[in-house]
Amino acid sequence: MPIRIIHSGLQAYEQSWQAMQEYTSTRDDCSEDQIWIVEHPPVYTQGLNGKSEHLLYPDPSIPIVQTDRGGQITYHGPGQIILYVLIDLKRGKLGVRALVSLLEQAIVDFLSRYDIQAYADPDAPGVYVDGRKIASLGLKIRKQKSYHGLAFNFDMDLTPFKAINPCGLIDMQMVQFKELVDATSTPLFSQAALELAQILADLVEQSITQNSGENSAKQQEDAPSA
């Protein structure tokens, strides 16, 4: 079953969050997996494990939302590509760590198309370029189904990050795609978002297909001979 990519546009964080919860709560074994492309107005989000000490001196005009994803505090704002991944992990035989790795790999692959060398850090989930963080991850798993996802700094105001320890990482510097490419080669936000979403969808689908094939092979091996 192919993953459906949905453009949700600029949307309040709470609206997206509620919609993800509703879809996850009501979906069944036949419901399609989806990736939502979203952009949020300025907002800080605090994860389930969030510590107040990482909220340094935030702008009082930017709301803070206590959410149900994993991880510490981060910032979302216009010009940041958000991909929410609503995947049935049980059906796809995907582990949580495997999904995290696919999210990271999608960003690394996207950046490589623009000759940007990026990497994931196993000790601090996300994607980095020369020690600066360009993408953050956070997931919620409910009944073996995922929601939330990744935030990729594309072309945005990074100033609000200075008021927090992003993802609980002290002195972590943030970077965005716009700073790393020539202005003449920068794609439009909508084009980049779709390109990244398609890379991620392809990676997840390939992993699910591979897992399905391995399971079928194992079943044949385990089948009793006549």
C-alpha atoms as a PDB file:
ATOM      1  CA  MET A   1       0.000   0.000   0.000  1.00  0.00           C
ATOM      2  CA  PRO A   2       1.672   3.272  -1.098  1.00  0.00           C
ATOM      3  CA  ILE A   3       2.115   6.051   1.434  1.00  0.00           C
ATOM      4  CA  ARG A   4      -0.115   9.037   0.771  1.00  0.00           C
ATOM      5  CA  ILE A   5       1.514  12.477   0.936  1.00  0.00           C
ATOM      6  CA  ILE A   6      -0.828  15.246   2.084  1.00  0.00           C
ATOM      7  CA  HIS A   7      -0.147  19.003   1.950  1.00  0.00           C
ATOM      8  CA  SER A   8      -1.740  20.642   4.983  1.00  0.00           C
ATOM      9  CA  GLY A   9      -0.210  24.106   4.506  1.00  0.00           C
ATOM     10  CA  LEU A  10       0.241  26.603   7.328  1.00  0.00           C
ATOM     11  CA  GLN A  11      -1.608  25.227  10.316  1.00  0.00           C
ATOM     12  CA  ALA A  12      -1.676  25.872  14.063  1.00  0.00           C
ATOM     13  CA  TYR A  13       0.331  23.296  15.985  1.00  0.00           C
ATOM     14  CA  GLU A  14      -2.601  22.267  18.180  1.00  0.00           C
ATOM     15  CA  GLN A  15      -4.776  21.691  15.116  1.00  0.00           C
ATOM     16  CA  SER A  16      -2.216  19.347  13.540  1.00  0.00           C
ATOM     17  CA  TRP A  17      -1.624  17.573  16.834  1.00  0.00           C
ATOM     18  CA  GLN A  18      -5.318  16.924  17.374  1.00  0.00           C
ATOM     19  CA  ALA A  19      -5.739  15.707  13.793  1.00  0.00           C
ATOM     20  CA  MET A  20      -2.830  13.262  14.191  1.00  0.00           C
ATOM     21  CA  GLN A  21      -4.295  11.901  17.404  1.00  0.00           C
ATOM     22  CA  GLU A  22      -7.718  11.477  15.828  1.00  0.00           C
ATOM     23  CA  TYR A  23      -6.373   9.709  12.752  1.00  0.00           C
ATOM     24  CA  THR A  24      -4.230   7.379  14.856  1.00  0.00           C
ATOM     25  CA  SER A  25      -7.096   6.587  17.241  1.00  0.00           C
ATOM     26  CA  THR A  26      -9.607   5.801  14.496  1.00  0.00           C
ATOM     27  CA  ARG A  27      -7.471   4.065  11.887  1.00  0.00           C
ATOM     28  CA  ASP A  28      -7.754   0.313  11.373  1.00  0.00           C
ATOM     29  CA  ASP A  29      -5.616  -2.371   9.762  1.00  0.00           C
ATOM     30  CA  CYS A  30      -6.681  -1.210   6.291  1.00  0.00           C
ATOM     31  CA  SER A  31      -6.070   2.506   6.820  1.00  0.00           C
ATOM     32  CA  GLU A  32      -3.382   3.986   4.600  1.00  0.00           C
ATOM     33  CA  ASP A  33      -0.082   5.261   5.934  1.00  0.00           C
ATOM     34  CA  GLN A  34       0.352   8.989   5.429  1.00  0.00           C
ATOM     35  CA  ILE A  35       2.966  11.741   5.493  1.00  0.00           C
ATOM     36  CA  TRP A  36       1.654  15.242   6.187  1.00  0.00           C
ATOM     37  CA  ILE A  37       3.560  18.290   4.978  1.00  0.00           C
ATOM     38  CA  VAL A  38       2.888  21.122   7.429  1.00  0.00           C
ATOM     39  CA  GLU A  39       4.204  24.559   8.332  1.00  0.00           C
ATOM     40  CA  HIS A  40       3.482  26.103  11.733  1.00  0.00           C
ATOM     41  CA  PRO A  41       3.189  29.658  13.058  1.00  0.00           C
ATOM     42  CA  PRO A  42       5.798  30.379  15.771  1.00  0.00           C
ATOM     43  CA  VAL A  43       5.499  27.925  18.676  1.00  0.00           C
ATOM     44  CA  TYR A  44       7.695  26.171  21.222  1.00  0.00           C
ATOM     45  CA  THR A  45       6.816  22.532  21.879  1.00  0.00           C
ATOM     46  CA  GLN A  46       7.904  20.654  24.969  1.00  0.00           C
ATOM     47  CA  GLY A  47       8.189  16.866  24.765  1.00  0.00           C
ATOM     48  CA  LEU A  48       7.125  14.304  27.341  1.00  0.00           C
ATOM     49  CA  ASN A  49      10.611  14.224  28.843  1.00  0.00           C
ATOM     50  CA  GLY A  50      11.029  17.985  28.626  1.00  0.00           C
ATOM     51  CA  LYS A  51      12.877  19.758  31.427  1.00  0.00           C
ATOM     52  CA  SER A  52      12.079  23.369  32.243  1.00  0.00           C
ATOM     53  CA  GLU A  53      15.786  24.140  32.593  1.00  0.00           C
ATOM     54  CA  HIS A  54      16.133  24.010  28.817  1.00  0.00           C
ATOM     55  CA  LEU A  55      13.660  26.874  28.431  1.00  0.00           C
ATOM     56  CA  LEU A  56      16.045  29.784  28.946  1.00  0.00           C
ATOM     57  CA  TYR A  57      14.466  33.128  28.082  1.00  0.00           C
ATOM     58  CA  PRO A  58      11.755  32.581  25.470  1.00  0.00           C
ATOM     59  CA  ASP A  59       9.879  35.312  23.677  1.00  0.00           C
ATOM     60  CA  PRO A  60       6.626  35.769  25.651  1.00  0.00           C
ATOM     61  CA  SER A  61       4.772  36.319  22.389  1.00  0.00           C
ATOM     62  CA  ILE A  62       5.541  32.747  21.282  1.00  0.00           C
ATOM     63  CA  PRO A  63       3.274  30.143  22.904  1.00  0.00           C
ATOM     64  CA  ILE A  64       4.642  27.038  24.616  1.00  0.00           C
ATOM     65  CA  VAL A  65       2.727  23.790  24.067  1.00  0.00           C
ATOM     66  CA  GLN A  66       3.229  20.709  26.235  1.00  0.00           C
ATOM     67  CA  THR A  67       2.882  17.897  23.729  1.00  0.00           C
ATOM     68  CA  ASP A  68       2.947  14.086  23.751  1.00  0.00           C
ATOM     69  CA  ARG A  69       5.947  13.403  21.540  1.00  0.00           C
ATOM     70  CA  GLY A  70       9.260  12.220  22.866  1.00  0.00           C
ATOM     71  CA  GLY A  71      12.215  14.489  23.469  1.00  0.00           C
ATOM     72  CA  GLN A  72      12.879  17.938  24.868  1.00  0.00           C
ATOM     73  CA  ILE A  73      11.889  21.438  23.823  1.00  0.00           C
ATOM     74  CA  THR A  74      12.162  22.730  20.272  1.00  0.00           C
ATOM     75  CA  TYR A  75      10.867  25.566  18.113  1.00  0.00           C
ATOM     76  CA  HIS A  76       8.676  25.566  15.027  1.00  0.00           C
ATOM     77  CA  GLY A  77       8.041  28.519  12.770  1.00  0.00           C
ATOM     78  CA  PRO A  78       7.323  29.649   9.209  1.00  0.00           C
ATOM     79  CA  GLY A  79       9.911  28.444   6.707  1.00  0.00           C
ATOM     80  CA  GLN A  80      10.479  25.158   8.546  1.00  0.00           C
ATOM     81  CA  ILE A  81       9.400  21.983   6.757  1.00  0.00           C
ATOM     82  CA  ILE A  82       7.429  19.698   9.067  1.00  0.00           C
ATOM     83  CA  LEU A  83       6.758  16.118   8.030  1.00  0.00           C
ATOM     84  CA  TYR A  84       4.372  14.172  10.227  1.00  0.00           C
ATOM     85  CA  VAL A  85       4.598  10.417   9.692  1.00  0.00           C
ATOM     86  CA  LEU A  86       1.518   8.315  10.396  1.00  0.00           C
ATOM     87  CA  ILE A  87       2.761   4.772   9.921  1.00  0.00           C
ATOM     88  CA  ASP A  88       1.371   1.416  11.047  1.00  0.00           C
ATOM     89  CA  LEU A  89       4.580  -0.039  12.448  1.00  0.00           C
ATOM     90  CA  LYS A  90       3.093  -3.455  13.178  1.00  0.00           C
ATOM     91  CA  ARG A  91       1.758  -3.879   9.649  1.00  0.00           C
ATOM     92  CA  GLY A  92       5.019  -2.675   8.151  1.00  0.00           C
ATOM     93  CA  LYS A  93       7.119  -4.720  10.575  1.00  0.00           C
ATOM     94  CA  LEU A  94       9.072  -1.569  11.424  1.00  0.00           C
ATOM     95  CA  GLY A  95      10.715  -0.912  14.756  1.00  0.00           C
ATOM     96  CA  VAL A  96      10.798   2.554  16.282  1.00  0.00           C
ATOM     97  CA  ARG A  97      14.578   2.812  15.945  1.00  0.00           C
ATOM     98  CA  ALA A  98      14.292   1.766  12.303  1.00  0.00           C
ATOM     99  CA  LEU A  99      11.738   4.512  11.650  1.00  0.00           C
ATOM    100  CA  VAL A 100      13.960   7.102  13.334  1.00  0.00           C
ATOM    101  CA  SER A 101      16.846   6.006  11.113  1.00  0.00           C
ATOM    102  CA  LEU A 102      14.667   6.343   8.013  1.00  0.00           C
ATOM    103  CA  LEU A 103      13.664   9.871   9.014  1.00  0.00           C
ATOM    104  CA  GLU A 104      17.303  10.808   9.451  1.00  0.00           C
ATOM    105  CA  GLN A 105      18.342   9.097   6.219  1.00  0.00           C
ATOM    106  CA  ALA A 106      15.687  10.953   4.228  1.00  0.00           C
ATOM    107  CA  ILE A 107      17.140  14.289   5.314  1.00  0.00           C
ATOM    108  CA  VAL A 108      20.718  13.156   4.656  1.00  0.00           C
ATOM    109  CA  ASP A 109      19.702  11.954   1.174  1.00  0.00           C
ATOM    110  CA  PHE A 110      17.853  15.194   0.432  1.00  0.00           C
ATOM    111  CA  LEU A 111      20.842  17.309   1.428  1.00  0.00           C
ATOM    112  CA  SER A 112      23.239  15.159  -0.584  1.00  0.00           C
ATOM    113  CA  ARG A 113      21.337  16.133  -3.728  1.00  0.00           C
ATOM    114  CA  TYR A 114      22.553  19.673  -3.065  1.00  0.00           C
ATOM    115  CA  ASP A 115      26.132  18.600  -2.279  1.00  0.00           C
ATOM    116  CA  ILE A 116      25.664  19.088   1.460  1.00  0.00           C
ATOM    117  CA  GLN A 117      27.274  16.466   3.667  1.00  0.00           C
ATOM    118  CA  ALA A 118      25.030  15.737   6.644  1.00  0.00           C
ATOM    119  CA  TYR A 119      24.980  13.007   9.241  1.00  0.00           C
ATOM    120  CA  ALA A 120      22.964  11.554  12.100  1.00  0.00           C
ATOM    121  CA  ASP A 121      24.235  11.240  15.659  1.00  0.00           C
ATOM    122  CA  PRO A 122      23.218   8.015  17.467  1.00  0.00           C
ATOM    123  CA  ASP A 123      23.590   9.780  20.816  1.00  0.00           C
ATOM    124  CA  ALA A 124      21.416  12.771  19.860  1.00  0.00           C
ATOM    125  CA  PRO A 125      18.683  11.990  17.302  1.00  0.00           C
ATOM    126  CA  GLY A 126      18.464  14.456  14.442  1.00  0.00           C
ATOM    127  CA  VAL A 127      20.596  15.537  11.497  1.00  0.00           C
ATOM    128  CA  TYR A 128      23.693  17.719  11.622  1.00  0.00           C
ATOM    129  CA  VAL A 129      25.947  19.641   9.260  1.00  0.00           C
ATOM    130  CA  ASP A 130      29.421  20.517  10.556  1.00  0.00           C
ATOM    131  CA  GLY A 131      28.278  20.152  14.149  1.00  0.00           C
ATOM    132  CA  ARG A 132      25.191  22.335  13.737  1.00  0.00           C
ATOM    133  CA  LYS A 133      21.692  20.912  13.830  1.00  0.00           C
ATOM    134  CA  ILE A 134      19.526  21.258  10.739  1.00  0.00           C
ATOM    135  CA  ALA A 135      16.701  18.849  11.608  1.00  0.00           C
ATOM    136  CA  SER A 136      15.003  17.588  14.763  1.00  0.00           C
ATOM    137  CA  LEU A 137      12.950  14.444  15.361  1.00  0.00           C
ATOM    138  CA  GLY A 138      10.199  13.483  17.752  1.00  0.00           C
ATOM    139  CA  LEU A 139       7.726  10.612  17.640  1.00  0.00           C
ATOM    140  CA  LYS A 140       4.755   9.261  19.536  1.00  0.00           C
ATOM    141  CA  ILE A 141       3.876   5.590  19.258  1.00  0.00           C
ATOM    142  CA  ARG A 142       0.340   4.539  20.151  1.00  0.00           C
ATOM    143  CA  LYS A 143      -0.828   0.961  19.627  1.00  0.00           C
ATOM    144  CA  GLN A 144       2.189   0.406  17.342  1.00  0.00           C
ATOM    145  CA  LYS A 145       1.260   3.347  15.145  1.00  0.00           C
ATOM    146  CA  SER A 146       3.395   6.481  14.821  1.00  0.00           C
ATOM    147  CA  TYR A 147       2.658  10.164  14.641  1.00  0.00           C
ATOM    148  CA  HIS A 148       4.648  13.417  14.938  1.00  0.00           C
ATOM    149  CA  GLY A 149       7.856  13.260  12.884  1.00  0.00           C
ATOM    150  CA  LEU A 150      10.608  15.629  11.742  1.00  0.00           C
ATOM    151  CA  ALA A 151      11.269  19.356  11.520  1.00  0.00           C
ATOM    152  CA  PHE A 152      13.723  20.526   8.844  1.00  0.00           C
ATOM    153  CA  ASN A 153      15.098  24.064   8.982  1.00  0.00           C
ATOM    154  CA  PHE A 154      14.662  25.286   5.421  1.00  0.00           C
ATOM    155  CA  ASP A 155      14.377  29.085   5.245  1.00  0.00           C
ATOM    156  CA  MET A 156      13.308  30.548   8.569  1.00  0.00           C
ATOM    157  CA  ASP A 157      14.160  32.904  11.399  1.00  0.00           C
ATOM    158  CA  LEU A 158      16.421  30.886  13.713  1.00  0.00           C
ATOM    159  CA  THR A 159      16.481  33.544  16.442  1.00  0.00           C
ATOM    160  CA  PRO A 160      13.878  31.847  18.711  1.00  0.00           C
ATOM    161  CA  PHE A 161      16.180  28.821  19.028  1.00  0.00           C
ATOM    162  CA  LYS A 162      18.621  31.013  20.972  1.00  0.00           C
ATOM    163  CA  ALA A 163      16.113  31.200  23.825  1.00  0.00           C
ATOM    164  CA  ILE A 164      16.227  27.436  24.439  1.00  0.00           C
ATOM    165  CA  ASN A 165      18.592  24.497  24.546  1.00  0.00           C
ATOM    166  CA  PRO A 166      17.267  22.870  21.352  1.00  0.00           C
ATOM    167  CA  CYS A 167      16.245  19.288  22.076  1.00  0.00           C
ATOM    168  CA  GLY A 168      17.980  19.646  25.436  1.00  0.00           C
ATOM    169  CA  LEU A 169      21.399  20.122  23.814  1.00  0.00           C
ATOM    170  CA  ILE A 170      23.314  22.859  25.625  1.00  0.00           C
ATOM    171  CA  ASP A 171      25.057  25.384  23.336  1.00  0.00           C
ATOM    172  CA  MET A 172      23.791  23.592  20.227  1.00  0.00           C
ATOM    173  CA  GLN A 173      23.902  25.861  17.191  1.00  0.00           C
ATOM    174  CA  MET A 174      21.159  25.569  14.603  1.00  0.00           C
ATOM    175  CA  VAL A 175      21.573  25.944  10.862  1.00  0.00           C
ATOM    176  CA  GLN A 176      19.181  26.085   7.929  1.00  0.00           C
ATOM    177  CA  PHE A 177      19.223  24.922   4.343  1.00  0.00           C
ATOM    178  CA  LYS A 178      19.217  28.473   2.938  1.00  0.00           C
ATOM    179  CA  GLU A 179      22.599  29.205   4.529  1.00  0.00           C
ATOM    180  CA  LEU A 180      24.215  26.187   2.882  1.00  0.00           C
ATOM    181  CA  VAL A 181      23.280  26.640  -0.769  1.00  0.00           C
ATOM    182  CA  ASP A 182      23.642  29.282  -3.413  1.00  0.00           C
ATOM    183  CA  ALA A 183      20.525  31.436  -3.693  1.00  0.00           C
ATOM    184  CA  THR A 184      20.167  30.581  -7.375  1.00  0.00           C
ATOM    185  CA  SER A 185      19.926  26.851  -6.627  1.00  0.00           C
ATOM    186  CA  THR A 186      17.481  27.046  -3.729  1.00  0.00           C
ATOM    187  CA  PRO A 187      14.169  25.343  -4.558  1.00  0.00           C
ATOM    188  CA  LEU A 188      10.854  26.795  -3.505  1.00  0.00           C
ATOM    189  CA  PHE A 189       9.594  25.740  -0.089  1.00  0.00           C
ATOM    190  CA  SER A 190       6.758  23.702  -1.598  1.00  0.00           C
ATOM    191  CA  GLN A 191       9.114  21.938  -4.011  1.00  0.00           C
ATOM    192  CA  ALA A 192      11.635  21.090  -1.305  1.00  0.00           C
ATOM    193  CA  ALA A 193       8.927  19.861   1.068  1.00  0.00           C
ATOM    194  CA  LEU A 194       7.466  17.533  -1.558  1.00  0.00           C
ATOM    195  CA  GLU A 195      10.917  16.303  -2.568  1.00  0.00           C
ATOM    196  CA  LEU A 196      11.821  15.487   1.043  1.00  0.00           C
ATOM    197  CA  ALA A 197       8.444  13.840   1.685  1.00  0.00           C
ATOM    198  CA  GLN A 198       8.817  11.673  -1.426  1.00  0.00           C
ATOM    199  CA  ILE A 199      12.328  10.597  -0.417  1.00  0.00           C
ATOM    200  CA  LEU A 200      10.995   9.595   2.992  1.00  0.00           C
ATOM    201  CA  ALA A 201       7.988   7.787   1.540  1.00  0.00           C
ATOM    202  CA  ASP A 202      10.222   5.821  -0.821  1.00  0.00           C
ATOM    203  CA  LEU A 203      12.581   4.830   1.997  1.00  0.00           C
ATOM    204  CA  VAL A 204       9.750   3.684   4.255  1.00  0.00           C
ATOM    205  CA  GLU A 205       8.035   1.759   1.460  1.00  0.00           C
ATOM    206  CA  GLN A 206      11.315   0.063   0.506  1.00  0.00           C
ATOM    207  CA  SER A 207      11.906  -0.943   4.112  1.00  0.00           C
ATOM    208  CA  ILE A 208       8.374  -2.315   4.472  1.00  0.00           C
ATOM    209  CA  THR A 209       8.725  -4.278   1.219  1.00  0.00           C
ATOM    210  CA  GLN A 210      12.054  -5.686   2.354  1.00  0.00           C
ATOM    211  CA  ASN A 211      10.639  -6.682   5.735  1.00  0.00           C
ATOM    212  CA  SER A 212       7.665  -8.335   4.061  1.00  0.00           C
ATOM    213  CA  GLY A 213       9.943 -10.281   1.737  1.00  0.00           C
ATOM    214  CA  GLU A 214      12.159 -11.461   4.587  1.00  0.00           C
ATOM    215  CA  ASN A 215       9.099 -12.574   6.552  1.00  0.00           C
ATOM    216  CA  SER A 216       7.730 -14.508   3.571  1.00  0.00           C
ATOM    217  CA  ALA A 217      11.095 -16.193   3.064  1.00  0.00           C
ATOM    218  CA  LYS A 218      11.247 -17.177   6.733  1.00  0.00           C
ATOM    219  CA  GLN A 219       7.739 -18.620   6.587  1.00  0.00           C
ATOM    220  CA  GLN A 220       8.744 -20.755   3.605  1.00  0.00           C
ATOM    221  CA  GLU A 221      11.846 -21.954   5.450  1.00  0.00           C
ATOM    222  CA  ASP A 222       9.767 -22.835   8.502  1.00  0.00           C
ATOM    223  CA  ALA A 223       7.034 -24.586   6.523  1.00  0.00           C
ATOM    224  CA  PRO A 224       6.998 -28.395   7.059  1.00  0.00           C
ATOM    225  CA  SER A 225       8.151 -30.435   4.105  1.00  0.00           C
ATOM    226  CA  ALA A 226       5.935 -33.105   2.568  1.00  0.00           C
END
